[in-house]
Amino acid sequence: MTFSVVARCARTGQLGVAVATAVPAVGSMCPFVRARVGAVSTQAWINPCLALDALKCMEQGASATEALARVMDADEGRQLRQVGLVDAQGRSAAWSGMACTDWFGHIVEPGFAVQGNMLVSAATIQAMAAAMRASESLELAERLLLAMEAGEAAGGDKRGRQSASLEVCDTEAYPLVDLRVDEHSHPIVELRRVWNIAKLQLLPFVQSMPRKGGPGAPAPDEVVRMLGIPPPYRPGGGGSAP
């Protein structure tokens, strides 16, 4: 019922997931990312424990392929599942159970995996993979969103659209980016709009937040000034004024 991309940036080490489906609040169910460990999307007949257990395996040193094998071997409902994952070294893996709803499948390449089920056709994930290959010089969040846009343009979910999410972790336990469109007629379009604003208004704030083990410091003056302005008058606009 879903299409997604999991990836690692070879340049920065960032890990992330982008996912869309025709069910509300996909960001609360499918994507799981842990900084310096891995990124997972669990979908089809979702089992979040697969993602949590796979991340634990990768944290203990297993590769993406090894982690996937371990968690799928332990799941009696494996033929109903679809999972894509990537580890902190950029090794990727995916599983599509034979009881997933057509069209379903996945593509696994170094640094990323794309997967989907209940799709219009294979063109969705083929377009996503092509977008990932063509965007290696860009920031990971942008690459993930480009892949989702390409998948949507190629057909996407055959039932329609409802929610989408984008999550990226850098070096900290908290995410660098965690954006969700939980119920919308064009969620990927809306996610792009939110991302364009977040790049200008949210990322400067997150990038100035304290780092674990480092001294806390006041936010930069320019960030404080920007966030003191009503949202419509900040770079990128958005929101509302009093």
C-alpha atoms as a PDB file:
ATOM      1  CA  MET A   1       0.000   0.000   0.000  1.00  0.00           C
ATOM      2  CA  THR A   2       3.088   2.161  -0.002  1.00  0.00           C
ATOM      3  CA  PHE A   3       6.230   3.289  -1.799  1.00  0.00           C
ATOM      4  CA  SER A   4       9.418   4.388  -0.088  1.00  0.00           C
ATOM      5  CA  VAL A   5      13.143   5.020  -0.339  1.00  0.00           C
ATOM      6  CA  VAL A   6      15.780   4.391   2.321  1.00  0.00           C
ATOM      7  CA  ALA A   7      19.253   5.810   1.793  1.00  0.00           C
ATOM      8  CA  ARG A   8      22.631   6.845   3.169  1.00  0.00           C
ATOM      9  CA  CYS A   9      24.606   9.838   1.929  1.00  0.00           C
ATOM     10  CA  ALA A  10      28.161   8.715   1.140  1.00  0.00           C
ATOM     11  CA  ARG A  11      29.439  12.265   1.629  1.00  0.00           C
ATOM     12  CA  THR A  12      27.864  13.141   5.006  1.00  0.00           C
ATOM     13  CA  GLY A  13      26.898   9.779   6.472  1.00  0.00           C
ATOM     14  CA  GLN A  14      23.321  10.977   6.924  1.00  0.00           C
ATOM     15  CA  LEU A  15      20.602   8.311   6.899  1.00  0.00           C
ATOM     16  CA  GLY A  16      16.990   8.789   5.888  1.00  0.00           C
ATOM     17  CA  VAL A  17      13.627   7.501   4.743  1.00  0.00           C
ATOM     18  CA  ALA A  18      10.867   9.024   2.624  1.00  0.00           C
ATOM     19  CA  VAL A  19       7.548   7.234   2.247  1.00  0.00           C
ATOM     20  CA  ALA A  20       4.028   7.842   0.908  1.00  0.00           C
ATOM     21  CA  THR A  21       0.778   5.898   0.972  1.00  0.00           C
ATOM     22  CA  ALA A  22      -3.015   6.109   0.710  1.00  0.00           C
ATOM     23  CA  VAL A  23      -3.524   5.784   4.492  1.00  0.00           C
ATOM     24  CA  PRO A  24      -3.312   8.625   7.052  1.00  0.00           C
ATOM     25  CA  ALA A  25      -0.131   9.315   9.027  1.00  0.00           C
ATOM     26  CA  VAL A  26       2.354   7.050   7.249  1.00  0.00           C
ATOM     27  CA  GLY A  27       5.185   8.781   9.112  1.00  0.00           C
ATOM     28  CA  SER A  28       3.945   7.318  12.394  1.00  0.00           C
ATOM     29  CA  MET A  29       4.076   3.728  11.157  1.00  0.00           C
ATOM     30  CA  CYS A  30       6.656   2.985   8.462  1.00  0.00           C
ATOM     31  CA  PRO A  31       9.929   4.958   8.768  1.00  0.00           C
ATOM     32  CA  PHE A  32      12.545   4.273  11.433  1.00  0.00           C
ATOM     33  CA  VAL A  33      15.951   6.011  11.406  1.00  0.00           C
ATOM     34  CA  ARG A  34      18.791   5.877  13.910  1.00  0.00           C
ATOM     35  CA  ALA A  35      21.835   8.114  13.483  1.00  0.00           C
ATOM     36  CA  ARG A  36      25.062   6.262  12.638  1.00  0.00           C
ATOM     37  CA  VAL A  37      23.155   2.950  12.612  1.00  0.00           C
ATOM     38  CA  GLY A  38      20.665   2.664   9.771  1.00  0.00           C
ATOM     39  CA  ALA A  39      17.327   3.517   8.200  1.00  0.00           C
ATOM     40  CA  VAL A  40      14.362   1.204   7.665  1.00  0.00           C
ATOM     41  CA  SER A  41      10.911   1.367   6.089  1.00  0.00           C
ATOM     42  CA  THR A  42       8.495  -1.385   7.123  1.00  0.00           C
ATOM     43  CA  GLN A  43       5.389  -1.566   4.935  1.00  0.00           C
ATOM     44  CA  ALA A  44       2.692  -3.707   3.252  1.00  0.00           C
ATOM     45  CA  TRP A  45       1.127  -5.446   6.294  1.00  0.00           C
ATOM     46  CA  ILE A  46       3.291  -3.345   8.620  1.00  0.00           C
ATOM     47  CA  ASN A  47       5.290  -4.878  11.453  1.00  0.00           C
ATOM     48  CA  PRO A  48       7.176  -2.079  13.262  1.00  0.00           C
ATOM     49  CA  CYS A  49       9.065  -4.671  15.313  1.00  0.00           C
ATOM     50  CA  LEU A  50      10.925  -5.665  12.149  1.00  0.00           C
ATOM     51  CA  ALA A  51      12.361  -2.170  11.848  1.00  0.00           C
ATOM     52  CA  LEU A  52      13.203  -1.875  15.544  1.00  0.00           C
ATOM     53  CA  ASP A  53      14.851  -5.285  15.636  1.00  0.00           C
ATOM     54  CA  ALA A  54      16.762  -4.639  12.401  1.00  0.00           C
ATOM     55  CA  LEU A  55      18.137  -1.385  13.808  1.00  0.00           C
ATOM     56  CA  LYS A  56      19.203  -3.221  16.955  1.00  0.00           C
ATOM     57  CA  CYS A  57      20.995  -5.816  14.833  1.00  0.00           C
ATOM     58  CA  MET A  58      22.770  -3.136  12.813  1.00  0.00           C
ATOM     59  CA  GLU A  59      23.730  -1.280  15.988  1.00  0.00           C
ATOM     60  CA  GLN A  60      25.384  -4.504  17.146  1.00  0.00           C
ATOM     61  CA  GLY A  61      27.418  -4.710  13.937  1.00  0.00           C
ATOM     62  CA  ALA A  62      25.241  -6.640  11.495  1.00  0.00           C
ATOM     63  CA  SER A  63      25.090  -5.487   7.890  1.00  0.00           C
ATOM     64  CA  ALA A  64      21.768  -4.513   6.345  1.00  0.00           C
ATOM     65  CA  THR A  65      21.582  -7.897   4.620  1.00  0.00           C
ATOM     66  CA  GLU A  66      22.353  -9.800   7.817  1.00  0.00           C
ATOM     67  CA  ALA A  67      19.883  -7.760   9.849  1.00  0.00           C
ATOM     68  CA  LEU A  68      17.145  -8.316   7.280  1.00  0.00           C
ATOM     69  CA  ALA A  69      17.736 -12.071   7.231  1.00  0.00           C
ATOM     70  CA  ARG A  70      17.567 -12.301  11.012  1.00  0.00           C
ATOM     71  CA  VAL A  71      14.328 -10.381  11.433  1.00  0.00           C
ATOM     72  CA  MET A  72      12.546 -12.005   8.503  1.00  0.00           C
ATOM     73  CA  ASP A  73      13.509 -15.507   9.635  1.00  0.00           C
ATOM     74  CA  ALA A  74      11.788 -14.785  12.960  1.00  0.00           C
ATOM     75  CA  ASP A  75       8.557 -13.417  11.420  1.00  0.00           C
ATOM     76  CA  GLU A  76       5.910 -16.005  10.552  1.00  0.00           C
ATOM     77  CA  GLY A  77       4.044 -13.342   8.570  1.00  0.00           C
ATOM     78  CA  ARG A  78       7.051 -12.571   6.361  1.00  0.00           C
ATOM     79  CA  GLN A  79       5.162 -13.150   3.111  1.00  0.00           C
ATOM     80  CA  LEU A  80       2.851 -10.230   4.010  1.00  0.00           C
ATOM     81  CA  ARG A  81       5.719  -7.842   4.690  1.00  0.00           C
ATOM     82  CA  GLN A  82       7.824  -5.431   2.702  1.00  0.00           C
ATOM     83  CA  VAL A  83      10.967  -3.949   4.197  1.00  0.00           C
ATOM     84  CA  GLY A  84      13.772  -1.758   2.876  1.00  0.00           C
ATOM     85  CA  LEU A  85      16.864  -0.898   4.883  1.00  0.00           C
ATOM     86  CA  VAL A  86      20.322   0.614   4.658  1.00  0.00           C
ATOM     87  CA  ASP A  87      23.127   0.536   7.227  1.00  0.00           C
ATOM     88  CA  ALA A  88      25.692   3.119   8.296  1.00  0.00           C
ATOM     89  CA  GLN A  89      28.188   1.839   5.700  1.00  0.00           C
ATOM     90  CA  GLY A  90      25.681   2.257   2.869  1.00  0.00           C
ATOM     91  CA  ARG A  91      24.936  -1.446   2.469  1.00  0.00           C
ATOM     92  CA  SER A  92      21.288  -1.864   1.517  1.00  0.00           C
ATOM     93  CA  ALA A  93      18.774  -4.696   1.414  1.00  0.00           C
ATOM     94  CA  ALA A  94      15.056  -5.258   0.859  1.00  0.00           C
ATOM     95  CA  TRP A  95      12.352  -7.897   1.173  1.00  0.00           C
ATOM     96  CA  SER A  96       9.009  -8.160  -0.636  1.00  0.00           C
ATOM     97  CA  GLY A  97       6.858 -11.061   0.533  1.00  0.00           C
ATOM     98  CA  MET A  98       4.941 -13.013  -2.074  1.00  0.00           C
ATOM     99  CA  ALA A  99       1.594 -12.190  -0.400  1.00  0.00           C
ATOM    100  CA  CYS A 100       2.054  -8.422  -0.916  1.00  0.00           C
ATOM    101  CA  THR A 101      -0.555  -6.814  -3.164  1.00  0.00           C
ATOM    102  CA  ASP A 102       0.360  -6.279  -6.823  1.00  0.00           C
ATOM    103  CA  TRP A 103       2.194  -4.477  -8.154  1.00  0.00           C
ATOM    104  CA  PHE A 104       4.988  -4.981  -5.646  1.00  0.00           C
ATOM    105  CA  GLY A 105       8.752  -5.154  -5.778  1.00  0.00           C
ATOM    106  CA  HIS A 106      12.016  -3.478  -4.846  1.00  0.00           C
ATOM    107  CA  ILE A 107      15.363  -2.299  -6.237  1.00  0.00           C
ATOM    108  CA  VAL A 108      18.520  -2.503  -4.127  1.00  0.00           C
ATOM    109  CA  GLU A 109      21.684  -0.590  -5.021  1.00  0.00           C
ATOM    110  CA  PRO A 110      24.710   0.652  -3.059  1.00  0.00           C
ATOM    111  CA  GLY A 111      23.554   3.408  -0.730  1.00  0.00           C
ATOM    112  CA  PHE A 112      19.810   3.021  -1.199  1.00  0.00           C
ATOM    113  CA  ALA A 113      16.808   0.766  -1.660  1.00  0.00           C
ATOM    114  CA  VAL A 114      13.413   1.623  -3.150  1.00  0.00           C
ATOM    115  CA  GLN A 115      10.346  -0.513  -2.630  1.00  0.00           C
ATOM    116  CA  GLY A 116       6.600  -0.418  -3.105  1.00  0.00           C
ATOM    117  CA  ASN A 117       3.443  -2.450  -3.070  1.00  0.00           C
ATOM    118  CA  MET A 118      -0.100  -1.905  -4.343  1.00  0.00           C
ATOM    119  CA  LEU A 119       1.459   0.267  -7.061  1.00  0.00           C
ATOM    120  CA  VAL A 120       0.240   1.117 -10.545  1.00  0.00           C
ATOM    121  CA  SER A 121       3.317  -0.621 -12.012  1.00  0.00           C
ATOM    122  CA  ALA A 122       7.045  -1.258 -11.707  1.00  0.00           C
ATOM    123  CA  ALA A 123       7.618   2.168 -13.254  1.00  0.00           C
ATOM    124  CA  THR A 124       7.206   3.756  -9.813  1.00  0.00           C
ATOM    125  CA  ILE A 125      10.272   2.225  -8.235  1.00  0.00           C
ATOM    126  CA  GLN A 126      12.237   2.341 -11.488  1.00  0.00           C
ATOM    127  CA  ALA A 127      11.734   6.115 -11.620  1.00  0.00           C
ATOM    128  CA  MET A 128      12.679   6.412  -7.953  1.00  0.00           C
ATOM    129  CA  ALA A 129      15.921   4.513  -8.452  1.00  0.00           C
ATOM    130  CA  ALA A 130      16.782   6.658 -11.472  1.00  0.00           C
ATOM    131  CA  ALA A 131      16.190   9.820  -9.428  1.00  0.00           C
ATOM    132  CA  MET A 132      18.508   8.565  -6.683  1.00  0.00           C
ATOM    133  CA  ARG A 133      21.268   7.771  -9.171  1.00  0.00           C
ATOM    134  CA  ALA A 134      20.974  11.191 -10.813  1.00  0.00           C
ATOM    135  CA  SER A 135      21.096  13.225  -7.589  1.00  0.00           C
ATOM    136  CA  GLU A 136      24.198  11.991  -5.768  1.00  0.00           C
ATOM    137  CA  SER A 137      25.641  15.499  -5.420  1.00  0.00           C
ATOM    138  CA  LEU A 138      22.595  16.831  -3.541  1.00  0.00           C
ATOM    139  CA  GLU A 139      21.736  16.778   0.155  1.00  0.00           C
ATOM    140  CA  LEU A 140      20.090  13.552   1.275  1.00  0.00           C
ATOM    141  CA  ALA A 141      16.717  15.091   2.188  1.00  0.00           C
ATOM    142  CA  GLU A 142      16.450  16.646  -1.258  1.00  0.00           C
ATOM    143  CA  ARG A 143      17.392  13.367  -2.945  1.00  0.00           C
ATOM    144  CA  LEU A 144      14.740  11.461  -1.012  1.00  0.00           C
ATOM    145  CA  LEU A 145      12.056  13.967  -1.923  1.00  0.00           C
ATOM    146  CA  LEU A 146      13.092  13.944  -5.592  1.00  0.00           C
ATOM    147  CA  ALA A 147      12.774  10.156  -5.582  1.00  0.00           C
ATOM    148  CA  MET A 148       9.275  10.358  -4.123  1.00  0.00           C
ATOM    149  CA  GLU A 149       8.246  12.949  -6.683  1.00  0.00           C
ATOM    150  CA  ALA A 150       9.588  10.735  -9.465  1.00  0.00           C
ATOM    151  CA  GLY A 151       7.708   7.716  -8.124  1.00  0.00           C
ATOM    152  CA  GLU A 152       4.468   9.672  -7.864  1.00  0.00           C
ATOM    153  CA  ALA A 153       4.844  10.990 -11.409  1.00  0.00           C
ATOM    154  CA  ALA A 154       5.378   7.427 -12.660  1.00  0.00           C
ATOM    155  CA  GLY A 155       2.147   6.159 -11.098  1.00  0.00           C
ATOM    156  CA  GLY A 156       2.584   5.724  -7.367  1.00  0.00           C
ATOM    157  CA  ASP A 157      -0.051   4.028  -5.219  1.00  0.00           C
ATOM    158  CA  LYS A 158      -2.868   2.688  -7.422  1.00  0.00           C
ATOM    159  CA  ARG A 159      -5.514   3.624  -4.807  1.00  0.00           C
ATOM    160  CA  GLY A 160      -4.587   7.317  -4.703  1.00  0.00           C
ATOM    161  CA  ARG A 161      -2.822   9.529  -2.170  1.00  0.00           C
ATOM    162  CA  GLN A 162      -3.195  10.512   1.473  1.00  0.00           C
ATOM    163  CA  SER A 163       0.016  10.918   3.489  1.00  0.00           C
ATOM    164  CA  ALA A 164       3.787  11.264   3.119  1.00  0.00           C
ATOM    165  CA  SER A 165       6.807  11.770   5.347  1.00  0.00           C
ATOM    166  CA  LEU A 166      10.504  12.625   5.208  1.00  0.00           C
ATOM    167  CA  GLU A 167      13.002  11.820   7.972  1.00  0.00           C
ATOM    168  CA  VAL A 168      16.787  12.296   7.988  1.00  0.00           C
ATOM    169  CA  CYS A 169      19.248  11.800  10.844  1.00  0.00           C
ATOM    170  CA  ASP A 170      22.758  13.229  10.913  1.00  0.00           C
ATOM    171  CA  THR A 171      25.077  12.618  13.878  1.00  0.00           C
ATOM    172  CA  GLU A 172      22.695  13.236  16.775  1.00  0.00           C
ATOM    173  CA  ALA A 173      20.023  10.985  18.307  1.00  0.00           C
ATOM    174  CA  TYR A 174      17.390  13.548  17.327  1.00  0.00           C
ATOM    175  CA  PRO A 175      16.516  13.954  13.624  1.00  0.00           C
ATOM    176  CA  LEU A 176      17.858  16.672  11.394  1.00  0.00           C
ATOM    177  CA  VAL A 177      14.601  16.562   9.388  1.00  0.00           C
ATOM    178  CA  ASP A 178      11.275  15.017  10.420  1.00  0.00           C
ATOM    179  CA  LEU A 179       8.412  16.288   8.258  1.00  0.00           C
ATOM    180  CA  ARG A 180       4.963  14.733   7.882  1.00  0.00           C
ATOM    181  CA  VAL A 181       1.865  15.386   5.831  1.00  0.00           C
ATOM    182  CA  ASP A 182      -0.706  13.230   7.573  1.00  0.00           C
ATOM    183  CA  GLU A 183      -3.860  13.739   5.470  1.00  0.00           C
ATOM    184  CA  HIS A 184      -3.846  15.542   2.145  1.00  0.00           C
ATOM    185  CA  SER A 185      -5.110  15.054  -1.402  1.00  0.00           C
ATOM    186  CA  HIS A 186      -1.579  15.666  -2.758  1.00  0.00           C
ATOM    187  CA  PRO A 187       0.727  14.790   0.130  1.00  0.00           C
ATOM    188  CA  ILE A 188       4.022  14.699  -1.783  1.00  0.00           C
ATOM    189  CA  VAL A 189       3.314  18.106  -3.314  1.00  0.00           C
ATOM    190  CA  GLU A 190       2.522  19.404   0.162  1.00  0.00           C
ATOM    191  CA  LEU A 191       5.627  17.761   1.590  1.00  0.00           C
ATOM    192  CA  ARG A 192       7.711  19.613  -1.002  1.00  0.00           C
ATOM    193  CA  ARG A 193       6.082  22.912   0.027  1.00  0.00           C
ATOM    194  CA  VAL A 194       6.769  22.240   3.717  1.00  0.00           C
ATOM    195  CA  TRP A 195      10.352  21.166   2.969  1.00  0.00           C
ATOM    196  CA  ASN A 196      11.046  24.361   1.022  1.00  0.00           C
ATOM    197  CA  ILE A 197       9.964  26.393   4.055  1.00  0.00           C
ATOM    198  CA  ALA A 198      11.718  24.129   6.552  1.00  0.00           C
ATOM    199  CA  LYS A 199      15.049  24.532   4.746  1.00  0.00           C
ATOM    200  CA  LEU A 200      14.899  28.261   5.428  1.00  0.00           C
ATOM    201  CA  GLN A 201      13.209  28.375   8.821  1.00  0.00           C
ATOM    202  CA  LEU A 202      13.672  25.037  10.594  1.00  0.00           C
ATOM    203  CA  LEU A 203      17.101  23.764   9.543  1.00  0.00           C
ATOM    204  CA  PRO A 204      19.015  26.839  10.801  1.00  0.00           C
ATOM    205  CA  PHE A 205      17.387  26.289  14.197  1.00  0.00           C
ATOM    206  CA  VAL A 206      18.070  22.536  14.306  1.00  0.00           C
ATOM    207  CA  GLN A 207      21.659  23.037  13.165  1.00  0.00           C
ATOM    208  CA  SER A 208      22.211  25.454  16.070  1.00  0.00           C
ATOM    209  CA  MET A 209      20.829  23.050  18.703  1.00  0.00           C
ATOM    210  CA  PRO A 210      23.206  21.554  21.313  1.00  0.00           C
ATOM    211  CA  ARG A 211      25.118  18.408  20.411  1.00  0.00           C
ATOM    212  CA  LYS A 212      25.505  15.503  22.812  1.00  0.00           C
ATOM    213  CA  GLY A 213      28.716  15.813  24.801  1.00  0.00           C
ATOM    214  CA  GLY A 214      29.281  19.384  23.648  1.00  0.00           C
ATOM    215  CA  PRO A 215      28.760  22.658  25.502  1.00  0.00           C
ATOM    216  CA  GLY A 216      25.385  24.297  25.061  1.00  0.00           C
ATOM    217  CA  ALA A 217      25.388  27.678  23.410  1.00  0.00           C
ATOM    218  CA  PRO A 218      22.802  30.349  22.641  1.00  0.00           C
ATOM    219  CA  ALA A 219      21.181  30.192  19.233  1.00  0.00           C
ATOM    220  CA  PRO A 220      22.845  32.443  16.638  1.00  0.00           C
ATOM    221  CA  ASP A 221      21.491  35.993  16.649  1.00  0.00           C
ATOM    222  CA  GLU A 222      20.277  35.752  13.052  1.00  0.00           C
ATOM    223  CA  VAL A 223      18.228  32.624  13.881  1.00  0.00           C
ATOM    224  CA  VAL A 224      16.731  34.279  16.966  1.00  0.00           C
ATOM    225  CA  ARG A 225      15.794  37.333  14.910  1.00  0.00           C
ATOM    226  CA  MET A 226      14.208  35.251  12.138  1.00  0.00           C
ATOM    227  CA  LEU A 227      12.121  33.149  14.494  1.00  0.00           C
ATOM    228  CA  GLY A 228      10.910  36.261  16.289  1.00  0.00           C
ATOM    229  CA  ILE A 229       9.154  37.393  13.103  1.00  0.00           C
ATOM    230  CA  PRO A 230       5.627  36.145  12.238  1.00  0.00           C
ATOM    231  CA  PRO A 231       5.929  33.156   9.848  1.00  0.00           C
ATOM    232  CA  PRO A 232       4.522  34.863   6.725  1.00  0.00           C
ATOM    233  CA  TYR A 233       7.315  37.455   6.885  1.00  0.00           C
ATOM    234  CA  ARG A 234      10.208  35.014   7.300  1.00  0.00           C
ATOM    235  CA  PRO A 235      12.184  33.632   4.353  1.00  0.00           C
ATOM    236  CA  GLY A 236       9.909  31.207   2.529  1.00  0.00           C
ATOM    237  CA  GLY A 237       6.742  32.481   4.199  1.00  0.00           C
ATOM    238  CA  GLY A 238       4.094  30.059   5.430  1.00  0.00           C
ATOM    239  CA  GLY A 239       2.073  29.967   8.610  1.00  0.00           C
ATOM    240  CA  SER A 240      -0.013  32.939   9.675  1.00  0.00           C
ATOM    241  CA  ALA A 241       0.352  36.265  11.463  1.00  0.00           C
ATOM    242  CA  PRO A 242      -1.526  37.391  14.591  1.00  0.00           C
END
